[in-house]
Structures are given as structure tokens and as C-alpha cells.
Amino acid sequence: MVLRLACYCGKSLSVPEERAGETVRCPGCGQSLVVPPGPGERAIELLAAGKHHISEAEEPRTAADYNNRGIARANHGVLAVTIEDHSRAISLDPKFALAYCNRGFVRAEQGDPAGATLDYERALSTDGRIWQAW
């Protein structure tokens, strides 16, 4: 299975699930990104154990890291803490339009259309080219 990652610069990349936990570089800006767990067997075991990263020593450090961990958690239905990850990404980089979109997706999923709309609007005001907010 292929995992899709989003970088802070707006580029996305595809990485094989087997590379979960490894660090990859964004082809657009060179930012280091930790590949979050995918829906594979090992990822499910880790999530069941309360670990949302392959290595607990590798806590997120950048806005992109928090955003990607939020995506991984959302993919596994761990929505309660997903909002926290996207919010942390935004606090580290208030111009990270994709993190606003991702938090908006989760808010919509949780039945908060007003919060989702605010996040989509903020994403568009930050980067008018971000198609995910449309």
C-alpha cells in the first residue's frame, strides 16, 4: 500500500507503507518528514498500544510532523487527538494552510460544520490556491 504525505510547502508525496517510521525528504523543499503508520498490521498494533509513531523517541518536531501524525491518526479513527495535532501544527506555523484544511476535515467529521468552515476560510485566506479547502 502507498501512503500519501503532505508537506508544509504544499507538495505531496507517495511513500510505500513499509517505510513507516522512516524519515523522507520533500521533493519540493527538502523538509524532513516522518512517514506515519499506515493501515497495515504493524500500524494497527502500535495504535492499539497507544503509540501513534513507530518510535516513541521520535516525537513530532515540525508543523509538517504534527500534520502528518494527525493524518495518520485520522486514518485510524483517532479523531479526539487528531484536532490537537493539527492545532499544534498551526501554532508552529500559522501560515500552514493544509493543516487548517485537515483540521477542518476532522471538525466536519465530528459534526462541527461551523468550525470546519472557519478552518477552510482560514486556509483560503492563507493560501488561495489550496484546492483542498474548496
Protein backbone atom coordinates (compact mmCIF):
# COMPACT_ATOMS: atom_id res chain seq x y z
CA MET A 1 0.00 0.00 0.00
CA VAL A 2 1.12 3.55 -0.71
CA LEU A 3 0.83 6.30 1.92
CA ARG A 4 0.33 9.93 0.91
CA LEU A 5 2.13 12.61 2.88
CA ALA A 6 1.61 16.35 2.74
CA CYS A 7 4.49 18.73 3.32
CA TYR A 8 4.25 22.15 4.84
CA CYS A 9 5.23 23.64 1.46
CA GLY A 10 2.04 22.20 -0.08
CA LYS A 11 3.70 19.38 -2.03
CA SER A 12 2.51 15.85 -1.54
CA LEU A 13 4.43 12.64 -1.94
CA SER A 14 3.68 8.93 -2.05
CA VAL A 15 5.68 6.54 0.10
CA PRO A 16 5.38 2.73 0.41
CA GLU A 17 3.76 1.67 3.71
CA GLU A 18 6.87 -0.37 4.51
CA ARG A 19 8.73 2.93 5.08
CA ALA A 20 6.52 3.85 8.06
CA GLY A 21 8.65 5.40 10.79
CA GLU A 22 11.42 6.40 8.41
CA THR A 23 12.37 9.96 7.58
CA VAL A 24 11.94 11.09 3.97
CA ARG A 25 12.66 14.41 2.27
CA CYS A 26 10.07 16.51 0.48
CA PRO A 27 10.93 16.75 -3.23
CA GLY A 28 9.72 20.36 -3.24
CA CYS A 29 11.52 22.00 -0.31
CA GLY A 30 13.76 19.30 1.19
CA GLN A 31 11.93 19.32 4.56
CA SER A 32 12.39 16.12 6.58
CA LEU A 33 9.12 14.26 7.16
CA VAL A 34 8.48 11.21 9.30
CA VAL A 35 6.34 8.67 7.46
CA PRO A 36 3.34 7.96 9.72
CA PRO A 37 1.98 4.45 10.22
CA GLY A 38 -0.33 3.24 7.50
CA PRO A 39 -3.28 0.92 7.88
CA GLY A 40 -1.03 -2.14 7.89
CA GLU A 41 -0.84 -4.77 10.60
CA ARG A 42 2.13 -3.18 12.45
CA ALA A 43 0.49 0.25 12.47
CA ILE A 44 -2.71 -1.16 13.92
CA GLU A 45 -0.72 -2.89 16.70
CA LEU A 46 1.05 0.38 17.54
CA LEU A 47 -2.17 2.38 17.55
CA ALA A 48 -3.86 -0.19 19.78
CA ALA A 49 -0.96 0.21 22.20
CA GLY A 50 -1.48 3.98 22.24
CA LYS A 51 1.61 4.69 20.14
CA HIS A 52 0.99 6.91 17.17
CA HIS A 53 4.59 6.87 15.99
CA ILE A 54 6.79 3.92 15.16
CA SER A 55 9.32 5.18 17.70
CA GLU A 56 8.23 7.00 20.85
CA ALA A 57 11.67 8.67 20.75
CA GLU A 58 10.66 10.37 17.52
CA GLU A 59 8.14 12.87 18.77
CA PRO A 60 6.98 15.39 16.15
CA ARG A 61 9.19 18.45 15.93
CA THR A 62 7.87 20.43 12.99
CA ALA A 63 4.48 21.62 11.83
CA ALA A 64 4.65 19.06 9.00
CA ASP A 65 5.38 16.27 11.50
CA TYR A 66 2.32 17.18 13.59
CA ASN A 67 0.16 17.50 10.48
CA ASN A 68 1.25 14.09 9.20
CA ARG A 69 0.70 12.45 12.58
CA GLY A 70 -2.77 13.99 12.61
CA ILE A 71 -3.46 12.48 9.19
CA ALA A 72 -2.29 9.05 10.40
CA ARG A 73 -4.48 9.28 13.50
CA ALA A 74 -7.49 10.37 11.45
CA ASN A 75 -6.97 7.47 9.06
CA HIS A 76 -7.30 5.17 12.07
CA GLY A 77 -10.30 6.92 13.58
CA VAL A 78 -8.40 8.50 16.49
CA LEU A 79 -10.20 11.82 15.96
CA ALA A 80 -10.09 13.17 19.52
CA VAL A 81 -6.33 13.75 19.40
CA THR A 82 -6.19 14.50 15.67
CA ILE A 83 -7.52 18.02 16.27
CA GLU A 84 -4.71 18.56 18.79
CA ASP A 85 -2.06 17.56 16.24
CA HIS A 86 -3.40 19.87 13.53
CA SER A 87 -3.78 22.70 16.06
CA ARG A 88 -0.18 22.19 17.18
CA ALA A 89 0.95 22.30 13.53
CA ILE A 90 -0.92 25.59 13.12
CA SER A 91 0.58 27.05 16.30
CA LEU A 92 4.07 26.21 14.99
CA ASP A 93 3.29 27.64 11.55
CA PRO A 94 0.19 29.87 11.35
CA LYS A 95 0.53 30.04 7.54
CA PHE A 96 0.30 26.23 7.12
CA ALA A 97 -2.87 26.21 5.02
CA LEU A 98 -3.00 22.43 4.66
CA ALA A 99 -3.13 21.98 8.46
CA TYR A 100 -6.19 24.25 8.56
CA CYS A 101 -7.81 22.09 5.85
CA ASN A 102 -7.02 18.87 7.68
CA ARG A 103 -8.37 20.22 10.96
CA GLY A 104 -11.47 21.34 9.04
CA PHE A 105 -11.96 17.82 7.65
CA VAL A 106 -11.84 16.38 11.16
CA ARG A 107 -14.20 19.03 12.55
CA ALA A 108 -16.68 18.27 9.77
CA GLU A 109 -16.39 14.54 10.54
CA GLN A 110 -17.07 15.27 14.22
CA GLY A 111 -20.23 17.21 13.39
CA ASP A 112 -18.82 20.74 13.74
CA PRO A 113 -19.61 22.36 10.36
CA ALA A 114 -19.13 25.90 11.72
CA GLY A 115 -15.61 25.06 12.97
CA ALA A 116 -14.82 23.30 9.71
CA THR A 117 -15.96 26.31 7.68
CA LEU A 118 -13.77 28.64 9.75
CA ASP A 119 -10.76 26.40 9.13
CA TYR A 120 -11.45 26.21 5.37
CA GLU A 121 -11.81 30.00 5.23
CA ARG A 122 -8.54 30.46 7.13
CA ALA A 123 -6.80 28.04 4.75
CA LEU A 124 -8.02 30.01 1.75
CA SER A 125 -7.04 33.36 3.28
CA THR A 126 -3.57 31.93 3.94
CA ASP A 127 -3.18 30.32 0.51
CA GLY A 128 -5.86 31.00 -2.09
CA ARG A 129 -4.55 28.18 -4.28
CA ILE A 130 -5.23 25.41 -1.78
CA TRP A 131 -7.76 23.25 -3.59
CA GLN A 132 -8.49 21.07 -0.54
CA ALA A 133 -10.45 23.92 1.07
CA TRP A 134 -12.87 24.20 -1.84
